[in-house]
Protein backbone atom coordinates (compact mmCIF):
# COMPACT_ATOMS: atom_id res chain seq x y z
CA MET A 1 43.32 -21.05 -33.56
CA THR A 2 40.70 -18.77 -35.10
CA ASN A 3 39.26 -21.62 -37.14
CA VAL A 4 38.76 -23.67 -33.97
CA ILE A 5 36.97 -20.82 -32.22
CA ASN A 6 34.65 -20.16 -35.18
CA GLN A 7 33.84 -23.78 -35.83
CA SER A 8 30.17 -24.56 -35.27
CA LEU A 9 29.33 -27.26 -32.73
CA ARG A 10 27.16 -28.86 -35.43
CA ASP A 11 30.38 -29.75 -37.28
CA SER A 12 31.21 -32.11 -34.42
CA LYS A 13 29.74 -35.54 -35.21
CA ALA A 14 29.63 -36.45 -31.52
CA ALA A 15 27.73 -33.26 -30.65
CA ARG A 16 25.10 -33.38 -33.38
CA TRP A 17 24.44 -37.13 -33.06
CA GLY A 18 24.37 -36.76 -29.27
CA ALA A 19 21.79 -33.98 -29.54
CA LEU A 20 19.74 -36.20 -31.87
CA ALA A 21 19.83 -39.09 -29.39
CA VAL A 22 18.56 -36.93 -26.53
CA VAL A 23 15.57 -35.39 -28.34
CA SER A 24 14.75 -38.76 -29.95
CA PHE A 25 14.38 -40.30 -26.49
CA THR A 26 11.95 -37.56 -25.49
CA MET A 27 9.81 -38.42 -28.53
CA LEU A 28 10.02 -42.13 -27.67
CA THR A 29 8.32 -41.45 -24.35
CA GLY A 30 5.50 -39.58 -26.09
CA TYR A 31 4.97 -42.30 -28.70
CA TYR A 32 4.55 -44.87 -25.93
CA ILE A 33 1.64 -42.95 -24.40
CA ASN A 34 0.13 -42.41 -27.84
CA TYR A 35 -0.68 -46.12 -28.16
CA VAL A 36 -0.72 -47.34 -24.57
CA ILE A 37 -4.46 -48.16 -24.44
CA SER A 38 -4.58 -49.68 -27.94
CA PRO A 39 -3.81 -53.28 -26.88
CA LEU A 40 -6.24 -52.91 -23.96
CA LYS A 41 -9.33 -52.54 -26.19
CA PRO A 42 -10.75 -56.05 -25.50
CA LEU A 43 -10.22 -55.62 -21.74
CA LEU A 44 -11.76 -52.15 -21.72
CA GLU A 45 -14.82 -53.50 -23.53
CA GLU A 46 -15.09 -56.42 -21.12
CA HIS A 47 -14.56 -54.58 -17.83
CA PHE A 48 -16.00 -51.11 -18.60
CA LEU A 49 -18.49 -52.24 -21.29
CA TRP A 50 -17.00 -49.83 -23.82
CA THR A 51 -18.18 -50.02 -27.44
CA SER A 52 -15.86 -49.65 -30.42
CA SER A 53 -17.34 -46.19 -30.85
CA ASP A 54 -16.29 -45.33 -27.27
CA PHE A 55 -12.78 -46.53 -28.05
CA GLY A 56 -12.75 -44.59 -31.31
CA LEU A 57 -13.99 -41.44 -29.57
CA TRP A 58 -11.18 -41.60 -26.98
CA ASN A 59 -8.55 -41.99 -29.72
CA SER A 60 -10.08 -39.34 -31.96
CA ALA A 61 -9.64 -36.85 -29.09
CA TYR A 62 -5.93 -36.73 -29.98
CA GLY A 63 -6.72 -34.10 -32.59
CA TRP A 64 -9.56 -32.15 -30.92
CA PHE A 65 -7.60 -29.20 -29.56
CA ASN A 66 -5.05 -29.27 -32.37
CA VAL A 67 -7.74 -29.04 -35.04
CA PHE A 68 -10.58 -27.00 -33.57
CA PHE A 69 -8.60 -24.67 -31.27
CA LEU A 70 -5.65 -24.43 -33.71
CA MET A 71 -3.26 -25.34 -30.91
CA LEU A 72 -0.78 -26.87 -33.33
CA ILE A 73 -0.65 -23.71 -35.41
CA PHE A 74 -0.19 -21.60 -32.29
CA GLY A 75 2.52 -24.07 -31.27
CA GLY A 76 4.30 -23.51 -34.58
CA ILE A 77 4.06 -19.75 -34.17
CA ILE A 78 5.44 -20.01 -30.62
CA LEU A 79 8.24 -22.22 -31.94
CA ASP A 80 9.26 -19.70 -34.60
CA LYS A 81 8.90 -16.79 -32.16
CA MET A 82 10.29 -18.27 -28.91
CA GLY A 83 12.63 -20.99 -30.17
CA VAL A 84 13.09 -24.72 -29.63
CA ARG A 85 14.10 -24.62 -25.95
CA PHE A 86 11.02 -22.83 -24.59
CA THR A 87 8.63 -24.71 -26.90
CA GLY A 88 10.14 -28.13 -26.24
CA ILE A 89 9.96 -27.82 -22.45
CA GLY A 90 6.37 -26.57 -22.64
CA ALA A 91 5.35 -29.42 -24.95
CA SER A 92 6.93 -32.04 -22.67
CA ILE A 93 5.08 -30.74 -19.61
CA THR A 94 1.80 -30.67 -21.59
CA MET A 95 2.25 -34.36 -22.49
CA LEU A 96 2.67 -35.17 -18.79
CA ILE A 97 -0.46 -33.25 -17.75
CA GLY A 98 -2.59 -34.93 -20.43
CA THR A 99 -1.40 -38.39 -19.41
CA ILE A 100 -2.32 -37.73 -15.77
CA PHE A 101 -5.94 -37.18 -16.87
CA GLN A 102 -5.87 -40.47 -18.79
CA TYR A 103 -4.63 -42.25 -15.67
CA ILE A 104 -7.45 -40.66 -13.62
CA ALA A 105 -10.01 -41.99 -16.11
CA ILE A 106 -8.72 -45.58 -16.37
CA GLU A 107 -8.04 -45.87 -12.63
CA GLU A 108 -11.47 -44.31 -11.89
CA VAL A 109 -9.94 -42.05 -9.24
CA PHE A 110 -13.40 -40.63 -8.62
CA PRO A 111 -16.89 -42.06 -9.45
CA MET A 112 -17.37 -42.12 -13.22
CA ASP A 113 -21.14 -42.42 -13.28
CA GLY A 114 -23.28 -40.25 -15.54
CA LEU A 115 -22.50 -38.26 -18.67
CA ILE A 116 -20.50 -35.15 -19.57
CA PHE A 117 -21.90 -33.38 -22.66
CA GLY A 118 -23.63 -36.65 -23.57
CA ILE A 119 -20.41 -38.70 -23.28
CA LYS A 120 -19.72 -41.32 -20.61
CA THR A 121 -17.79 -39.61 -17.82
CA GLN A 122 -14.86 -42.01 -18.00
CA ILE A 123 -14.54 -41.55 -21.77
CA ALA A 124 -14.93 -37.76 -21.47
CA VAL A 125 -12.20 -37.41 -18.81
CA GLY A 126 -9.79 -39.73 -20.62
CA ALA A 127 -10.50 -38.15 -24.00
CA PHE A 128 -9.84 -34.69 -22.54
CA GLY A 129 -6.51 -35.96 -21.26
CA PHE A 130 -5.65 -37.50 -24.63
CA ALA A 131 -6.57 -34.22 -26.34
CA VAL A 132 -4.20 -32.30 -24.03
CA PHE A 133 -1.52 -34.94 -24.60
CA GLY A 134 -2.08 -34.63 -28.37
CA VAL A 135 -1.21 -30.94 -28.22
CA GLY A 136 2.00 -31.68 -26.31
CA VAL A 137 3.25 -34.54 -28.47
CA GLU A 138 2.46 -32.82 -31.77
CA VAL A 139 4.18 -29.58 -30.73
CA ALA A 140 7.09 -31.68 -29.48
CA GLY A 141 7.19 -33.32 -32.91
CA ILE A 142 7.48 -30.06 -34.85
CA THR A 143 10.03 -28.79 -32.31
CA VAL A 144 12.22 -31.86 -32.75
CA SER A 145 11.90 -31.58 -36.54
CA LYS A 146 13.21 -28.02 -36.39
CA ILE A 147 15.98 -29.08 -33.98
CA ILE A 148 17.14 -31.72 -36.46
CA VAL A 149 17.19 -29.22 -39.32
CA LYS A 150 19.14 -26.85 -37.05
CA TRP A 151 21.87 -29.44 -36.45
CA PHE A 152 21.88 -31.39 -39.75
CA LYS A 153 21.02 -29.01 -42.61
CA GLY A 154 23.51 -29.64 -45.42
CA LYS A 155 24.61 -32.83 -43.68
CA GLU A 156 22.90 -36.19 -43.04
CA LEU A 157 19.44 -34.63 -42.68
CA ALA A 158 17.25 -37.49 -43.93
CA LEU A 159 19.32 -40.06 -42.04
CA ALA A 160 18.98 -38.00 -38.85
CA MET A 161 15.21 -37.66 -39.29
CA GLY A 162 14.99 -41.37 -40.03
CA LEU A 163 16.90 -42.28 -36.88
CA GLU A 164 14.71 -39.96 -34.80
CA MET A 165 11.55 -41.55 -36.18
CA ALA A 166 12.99 -45.03 -35.67
CA THR A 167 13.88 -44.30 -32.05
CA ALA A 168 10.49 -42.73 -31.36
CA ARG A 169 8.73 -45.75 -32.81
CA MET A 170 10.48 -47.96 -30.32
CA GLY A 171 8.00 -46.28 -27.96
CA THR A 172 5.18 -47.42 -30.24
CA ALA A 173 6.56 -50.98 -30.22
CA LEU A 174 6.69 -50.98 -26.43
CA ALA A 175 3.13 -49.64 -26.26
CA LEU A 176 1.82 -52.39 -28.53
CA ALA A 177 3.73 -55.25 -26.90
CA LEU A 178 3.77 -54.49 -23.15
CA PRO A 179 0.37 -53.23 -21.86
CA LEU A 180 -1.60 -56.49 -22.17
CA PRO A 181 0.91 -58.72 -20.35
CA MET A 182 1.60 -55.87 -17.92
CA ALA A 183 -2.11 -55.63 -17.09
CA THR A 184 -3.02 -59.32 -17.08
CA ALA A 185 0.14 -61.24 -16.09
CA TRP A 186 2.78 -59.07 -14.44
CA PHE A 187 0.65 -56.80 -12.23
CA GLY A 188 -2.85 -58.23 -12.56
CA THR A 189 -4.86 -61.19 -13.87
CA GLN A 190 -7.25 -61.72 -16.75
CA ALA A 191 -10.16 -61.55 -14.28
CA GLU A 192 -8.80 -58.47 -12.46
CA PRO A 193 -6.43 -56.68 -14.85
CA ALA A 194 -4.26 -53.77 -13.69
CA LEU A 195 -5.48 -51.51 -16.47
CA SER A 196 -3.83 -48.33 -15.20
CA THR A 197 -0.37 -49.86 -14.67
CA PRO A 198 0.76 -49.39 -18.31
CA ILE A 199 -0.14 -45.70 -18.00
CA VAL A 200 1.84 -45.35 -14.75
CA PHE A 201 4.84 -46.78 -16.59
CA GLY A 202 4.25 -44.19 -19.30
CA LEU A 203 4.18 -41.38 -16.75
CA ALA A 204 7.60 -42.48 -15.49
CA LEU A 205 8.90 -42.48 -19.06
CA LEU A 206 7.55 -38.97 -19.66
CA VAL A 207 9.33 -37.61 -16.58
CA ALA A 208 12.57 -39.12 -17.92
CA GLY A 209 11.83 -37.50 -21.28
CA ILE A 210 11.44 -34.07 -19.69
CA VAL A 211 14.77 -34.47 -17.89
CA ALA A 212 16.41 -35.48 -21.18
CA PHE A 213 15.07 -32.41 -22.98
CA LEU A 214 16.24 -30.12 -20.18
CA TRP A 215 19.71 -31.52 -20.75
CA TYR A 216 19.35 -30.87 -24.49
CA THR A 217 18.72 -27.16 -23.85
CA THR A 218 22.27 -26.85 -22.52
CA MET A 219 23.59 -28.36 -25.77
CA ASP A 220 21.43 -25.98 -27.79
CA LYS A 221 22.90 -22.97 -25.99
CA LYS A 222 26.42 -24.25 -26.64
CA LEU A 223 25.57 -24.62 -30.35
CA GLU A 224 24.47 -21.01 -30.60
CA LYS A 225 27.48 -19.80 -28.66
CA SER A 226 29.76 -21.67 -31.06
CA GLU A 227 28.07 -19.88 -33.99
CA GLY A 228 28.20 -16.47 -32.33
CA ILE A 229 24.42 -16.28 -31.86
CA LYS A 230 23.32 -14.26 -28.82
CA ASP A 231 19.55 -14.68 -29.18
CA GLU A 232 17.96 -17.91 -30.42
CA ILE A 233 15.56 -15.95 -32.66
CA SER A 234 17.13 -13.07 -34.56
CA GLU A 235 15.04 -10.02 -35.46
CA GLU A 236 15.08 -10.75 -39.19
CA ASP A 237 14.03 -14.39 -38.61
CA GLU A 238 11.25 -13.59 -36.14
CA PHE A 239 7.80 -14.91 -37.04
CA LYS A 240 5.47 -12.68 -39.07
CA ILE A 241 1.79 -13.29 -39.88
CA SER A 242 2.68 -12.94 -43.56
CA ASP A 243 4.71 -16.17 -43.21
CA ILE A 244 1.47 -18.16 -42.91
CA PHE A 245 0.09 -16.71 -46.14
CA PHE A 246 3.40 -17.32 -47.90
CA ILE A 247 3.27 -21.00 -46.90
CA LEU A 248 -0.42 -21.45 -47.75
CA LYS A 249 0.12 -20.10 -51.28
CA ASN A 250 2.72 -22.81 -51.93
CA LYS A 251 1.22 -25.74 -53.89
CA GLY A 252 4.12 -27.99 -52.90
CA PHE A 253 3.27 -27.40 -49.24
CA TRP A 254 -0.33 -28.49 -49.78
CA LEU A 255 0.68 -31.65 -51.62
CA ILE A 256 3.09 -32.63 -48.83
CA ALA A 257 0.36 -31.89 -46.25
CA LEU A 258 -2.27 -33.95 -48.11
CA LEU A 259 0.14 -36.85 -48.56
CA CYS A 260 0.93 -36.65 -44.86
CA VAL A 261 -2.70 -36.81 -43.71
CA LEU A 262 -3.62 -39.62 -46.12
CA PHE A 263 -0.57 -41.76 -45.42
CA TYR A 264 -0.61 -41.41 -41.64
CA SER A 265 -4.39 -41.92 -41.55
CA GLY A 266 -3.71 -45.35 -43.03
CA VAL A 267 -1.10 -46.23 -40.39
CA PHE A 268 -1.53 -44.50 -37.02
CA PRO A 269 -5.29 -45.18 -36.56
CA PHE A 270 -4.69 -48.73 -37.81
CA LEU A 271 -2.27 -49.29 -34.93
CA TYR A 272 -4.99 -48.29 -32.44
CA TYR A 273 -7.04 -51.27 -33.66
CA ALA A 274 -4.25 -53.64 -34.74
CA THR A 275 -4.13 -55.74 -31.56
CA ASP A 276 -7.91 -56.17 -31.61
CA LEU A 277 -7.66 -57.13 -35.29
CA MET A 278 -5.13 -59.85 -34.45
CA ILE A 279 -7.46 -61.29 -31.80
CA ASN A 280 -10.67 -61.16 -33.85
CA LYS A 281 -9.57 -61.96 -37.40
CA TYR A 282 -6.34 -63.92 -36.95
CA ASN A 283 -7.31 -65.75 -33.72
CA VAL A 284 -4.11 -64.77 -31.90
CA SER A 285 -4.28 -65.15 -28.11
CA PRO A 286 -4.67 -61.82 -26.27
CA GLU A 287 -1.37 -62.27 -24.40
CA PHE A 288 0.57 -62.29 -27.68
CA ALA A 289 -1.73 -60.27 -29.95
CA GLY A 290 0.18 -57.02 -29.41
CA THR A 291 3.48 -58.67 -30.35
CA ILE A 292 2.59 -58.90 -34.05
CA PRO A 293 1.77 -55.19 -34.55
CA SER A 294 4.87 -54.32 -32.50
CA LEU A 295 6.96 -55.82 -35.30
CA LEU A 296 6.01 -52.83 -37.45
CA PRO A 297 7.93 -50.13 -35.56
CA PHE A 298 10.84 -52.49 -34.91
CA GLY A 299 11.25 -52.87 -38.67
CA THR A 300 11.31 -49.12 -39.12
CA ILE A 301 14.20 -48.83 -36.64
CA ILE A 302 16.49 -50.28 -39.31
CA LEU A 303 14.74 -49.32 -42.53
CA THR A 304 13.84 -45.66 -41.94
CA PRO A 305 17.47 -44.59 -41.40
CA LEU A 306 18.49 -46.81 -44.34
CA PHE A 307 16.00 -45.18 -46.71
CA GLY A 308 16.87 -41.76 -45.26
CA SER A 309 20.56 -42.35 -45.94
CA PHE A 310 19.70 -43.36 -49.52
CA TYR A 311 17.77 -40.08 -49.95
CA ASP A 312 20.69 -38.12 -48.49
CA ARG A 313 23.18 -39.62 -50.94
CA LYS A 314 21.17 -40.55 -54.03
CA GLY A 315 17.97 -38.50 -53.91
CA LYS A 316 14.72 -39.85 -55.46
CA GLY A 317 12.56 -38.52 -52.59
CA ALA A 318 9.39 -38.08 -54.67
CA THR A 319 9.78 -41.57 -56.16
CA ILE A 320 10.20 -43.09 -52.70
CA MET A 321 6.91 -41.47 -51.60
CA VAL A 322 5.07 -42.92 -54.63
CA ILE A 323 6.38 -46.44 -53.95
CA GLY A 324 5.41 -46.23 -50.26
CA SER A 325 1.87 -45.10 -51.10
CA VAL A 326 1.40 -48.03 -53.52
CA MET A 327 2.54 -50.45 -50.83
CA LEU A 328 0.09 -48.93 -48.31
CA LEU A 329 -2.83 -49.69 -50.65
CA PHE A 330 -1.53 -53.22 -51.32
CA VAL A 331 -1.18 -54.10 -47.62
CA HIS A 332 -4.63 -52.87 -46.56
CA ILE A 333 -6.36 -54.61 -49.47
CA PHE A 334 -4.96 -57.93 -48.24
CA PHE A 335 -5.89 -57.08 -44.64
CA SER A 336 -9.49 -56.61 -45.83
CA ILE A 337 -9.84 -60.05 -47.47
CA PRO A 338 -11.83 -62.22 -44.97
CA SER A 339 -10.33 -65.55 -46.08
CA PHE A 340 -6.76 -64.25 -45.73
CA ASN A 341 -6.81 -64.95 -42.00
CA HIS A 342 -3.80 -67.05 -40.98
CA TYR A 343 -1.56 -65.46 -38.37
CA LEU A 344 1.48 -65.92 -40.66
CA ALA A 345 -0.33 -63.76 -43.23
CA ALA A 346 -0.81 -61.11 -40.54
CA ILE A 347 2.90 -61.17 -39.69
CA THR A 348 3.83 -60.83 -43.37
CA LEU A 349 1.49 -57.90 -43.91
CA ILE A 350 2.71 -56.13 -40.76
CA ILE A 351 6.31 -56.46 -41.97
CA LEU A 352 5.33 -55.03 -45.37
CA LEU A 353 3.47 -52.20 -43.64
CA GLY A 354 6.64 -51.55 -41.63
CA ILE A 355 8.58 -51.17 -44.88
CA THR A 356 5.89 -48.79 -46.13
CA PHE A 357 6.01 -46.89 -42.85
CA SER A 358 9.74 -46.47 -43.38
CA LEU A 359 9.65 -45.39 -47.02
CA VAL A 360 7.28 -42.42 -47.04
CA PRO A 361 8.33 -40.59 -43.82
CA SER A 362 12.04 -41.06 -44.63
CA ALA A 363 11.53 -38.94 -47.74
CA MET A 364 8.55 -36.76 -46.79
CA TRP A 365 9.87 -34.89 -43.75
CA PRO A 366 13.35 -34.09 -45.16
CA SER A 367 11.61 -32.75 -48.29
CA VAL A 368 9.83 -29.96 -46.39
CA PRO A 369 13.00 -27.80 -46.01
CA LYS A 370 13.41 -27.99 -49.80
CA ILE A 371 9.99 -26.41 -50.26
CA ILE A 372 9.81 -23.98 -47.29
CA PRO A 373 12.55 -21.53 -46.08
CA GLU A 374 14.19 -22.47 -42.78
CA LYS A 375 12.91 -19.43 -40.86
CA GLN A 376 9.31 -20.56 -41.59
CA LEU A 377 9.87 -24.26 -40.91
CA GLY A 378 8.27 -24.25 -37.47
CA THR A 379 5.06 -22.77 -38.83
CA ALA A 380 5.18 -25.01 -41.93
CA TYR A 381 5.60 -28.19 -39.89
CA ALA A 382 2.81 -27.01 -37.58
CA LEU A 383 0.44 -26.45 -40.52
CA ILE A 384 1.30 -29.89 -41.96
CA PHE A 385 0.72 -31.52 -38.58
CA TRP A 386 -2.56 -29.57 -38.28
CA VAL A 387 -3.78 -31.03 -41.57
CA GLN A 388 -2.56 -34.46 -40.42
CA ASN A 389 -4.55 -34.13 -37.20
CA TRP A 390 -7.81 -33.96 -39.14
CA GLY A 391 -7.10 -37.53 -40.17
CA LEU A 392 -5.81 -38.62 -36.77
CA MET A 393 -9.01 -37.22 -35.25
CA GLY A 394 -11.54 -38.38 -37.83
CA VAL A 395 -10.33 -41.81 -38.90
CA PRO A 396 -10.29 -43.50 -35.44
CA LEU A 397 -13.84 -42.25 -34.91
CA LEU A 398 -14.85 -43.50 -38.38
CA ILE A 399 -13.28 -46.92 -37.79
CA GLY A 400 -15.00 -47.27 -34.40
CA TRP A 401 -18.34 -46.43 -36.01
CA ALA A 402 -17.65 -48.82 -38.91
CA LEU A 403 -16.94 -51.67 -36.47
CA ASP A 404 -20.18 -51.11 -34.57
CA PHE A 405 -22.15 -50.56 -37.81
CA SER A 406 -20.89 -53.74 -39.48
CA ASN A 407 -21.11 -55.84 -36.28
CA PRO A 408 -24.56 -55.17 -34.75
CA GLU A 409 -24.51 -58.62 -33.12
CA VAL A 410 -21.61 -57.49 -30.89
CA LEU A 411 -23.60 -54.51 -29.55
CA LEU A 412 -26.62 -56.78 -29.03
CA ALA A 413 -24.54 -59.30 -27.05
CA LYS A 414 -23.17 -56.55 -24.81
CA ALA A 415 -26.67 -55.20 -24.19
CA ASN A 416 -27.98 -58.68 -23.29
CA GLY A 417 -24.93 -59.71 -21.25
CA THR A 418 -24.27 -62.74 -23.47
CA GLU A 419 -20.97 -63.97 -24.92
CA ILE A 420 -19.45 -61.33 -27.22
CA PRO A 421 -18.86 -62.64 -30.78
CA VAL A 422 -15.74 -61.73 -32.80
CA TYR A 423 -15.60 -58.52 -34.83
CA ASP A 424 -15.59 -58.60 -38.63
CA TYR A 425 -12.90 -56.09 -39.68
CA THR A 426 -13.60 -56.13 -43.45
CA LEU A 427 -15.23 -52.68 -43.69
CA PRO A 428 -12.63 -50.88 -41.53
CA MET A 429 -9.78 -52.34 -43.58
CA MET A 430 -11.46 -51.25 -46.82
CA ILE A 431 -11.57 -47.72 -45.39
CA PHE A 432 -7.84 -47.90 -44.64
CA ALA A 433 -7.21 -49.14 -48.21
CA GLY A 434 -8.99 -46.01 -49.45
CA THR A 435 -6.41 -43.81 -47.76
CA GLY A 436 -3.67 -45.65 -49.65
CA PHE A 437 -5.42 -45.16 -53.00
CA LEU A 438 -5.77 -41.41 -52.45
CA ALA A 439 -2.16 -41.17 -51.22
CA ILE A 440 -0.94 -42.62 -54.55
CA ILE A 441 -2.73 -39.88 -56.48
CA VAL A 442 -1.26 -37.11 -54.31
CA ALA A 443 2.25 -38.62 -54.43
CA PHE A 444 2.21 -38.55 -58.26
CA MET A 445 0.95 -34.94 -58.17
CA LEU A 446 3.82 -34.00 -55.84
CA LYS A 447 6.33 -35.64 -58.17
CA ALA A 448 4.93 -33.67 -61.11
CA GLU A 449 5.01 -30.41 -59.11
CA ASP A 450 8.64 -31.04 -58.16
CA LYS A 451 9.53 -31.51 -61.82
CA LYS A 452 7.72 -28.26 -62.66
CA LYS A 453 9.05 -26.09 -59.81
CA GLY A 454 12.47 -27.65 -59.29
CA TYR A 455 12.26 -28.18 -55.52
CA GLY A 456 14.98 -30.80 -55.76
CA LEU A 457 13.03 -33.67 -54.19
CA GLU A 458 14.76 -36.10 -56.54
CA LEU A 459 18.21 -34.68 -55.67
CA PRO A 460 20.49 -35.78 -52.79
CA ASN A 461 20.38 -33.86 -49.49
CA ILE A 462 24.08 -33.93 -48.76
CA GLN A 463 25.74 -30.87 -50.27
CA LYS A 464 29.20 -31.47 -51.66
């Protein structure tokens, strides 16, 4: 009888996988909003006369507050000090508030004439909303990462993280596939698209995500009760400023963080422009252009848990990250070749990118607890996400500039009101290939550091 009473709730497969399902759904709702305007780029340029730089500025706003106001780092400190329940609820509400501002901008709830700090009013309002949303979704991300470690440490950790990422990326798939037909066929027309409708759908999803996380908090309390924990954060585990310096002195931490920013800079910003790439380079009709990029996250739904399970049982985490980085370079090089422009080639490359997108994260995130102690994980994940946000902020802006710079005839056509020619995406794709090349270098450095320090990145996660 005593053994039953003292058994942790995390030892129940139904409980820990149920908890994973709930928090994964909350992240799915955030990932949808993250990419909801990406397929709408051609329509936004046509109806609001946006430039690619305007589009890039909006998307770069994702990292403004996280990078310059250190909101992600403060979020990590709050997570380690206040716990996953308080931080998760706050992050979910922040996502909702930021999305409301994006709706206001696209719907033009009030006149959007003039400039704010030299930026078109519509872009400024929407970018502010996306910046607020970026704080919420990134803090939610580090919170969910810590939740998974809490329930799965010593168990199927990489598989659990893989399944969470796979579920969340279903939101990305929905965001790439649904907004264009939703705006031009289901609720509007090509001439008068319902541009704000996809965001309204996202708002409904976010509300459902908040409700789901509130339900998770009851499971979290039951977990702690089963382990005899009265307070979520014990006095000895409470955050200390010295924790930040301890993490920053760790070379393994910096290599993981650099790999993270380089790898994700070659994937996430690419997805912002992927639908437009399909239309301009591969001549795919706008109604179906988002369907091809949406194949990427669907592939990860199967492969990320599969690779995560391999890491759990066989190890080879550092090797997996090297292979994924090589594939990232390979894919973007072929995307940059102008003559490689058949839609079947695009589908093939997207599928390969999906495999790449499954390989690196399935090994990278479960490797962090091998390098950083559990009590500092919230802060460590926050610092990694902070470094990542430099790329998520800078690369979309760089790609938008590169498109306008390498396609002056498009800007001229918009200024003269003539037919807009197609974009040449060669330069942007070469920039993305550069992130893959640098990621390979860092991945090999991480593998060497693991061999030197004995982090155990090549060892299985499941403890026998």
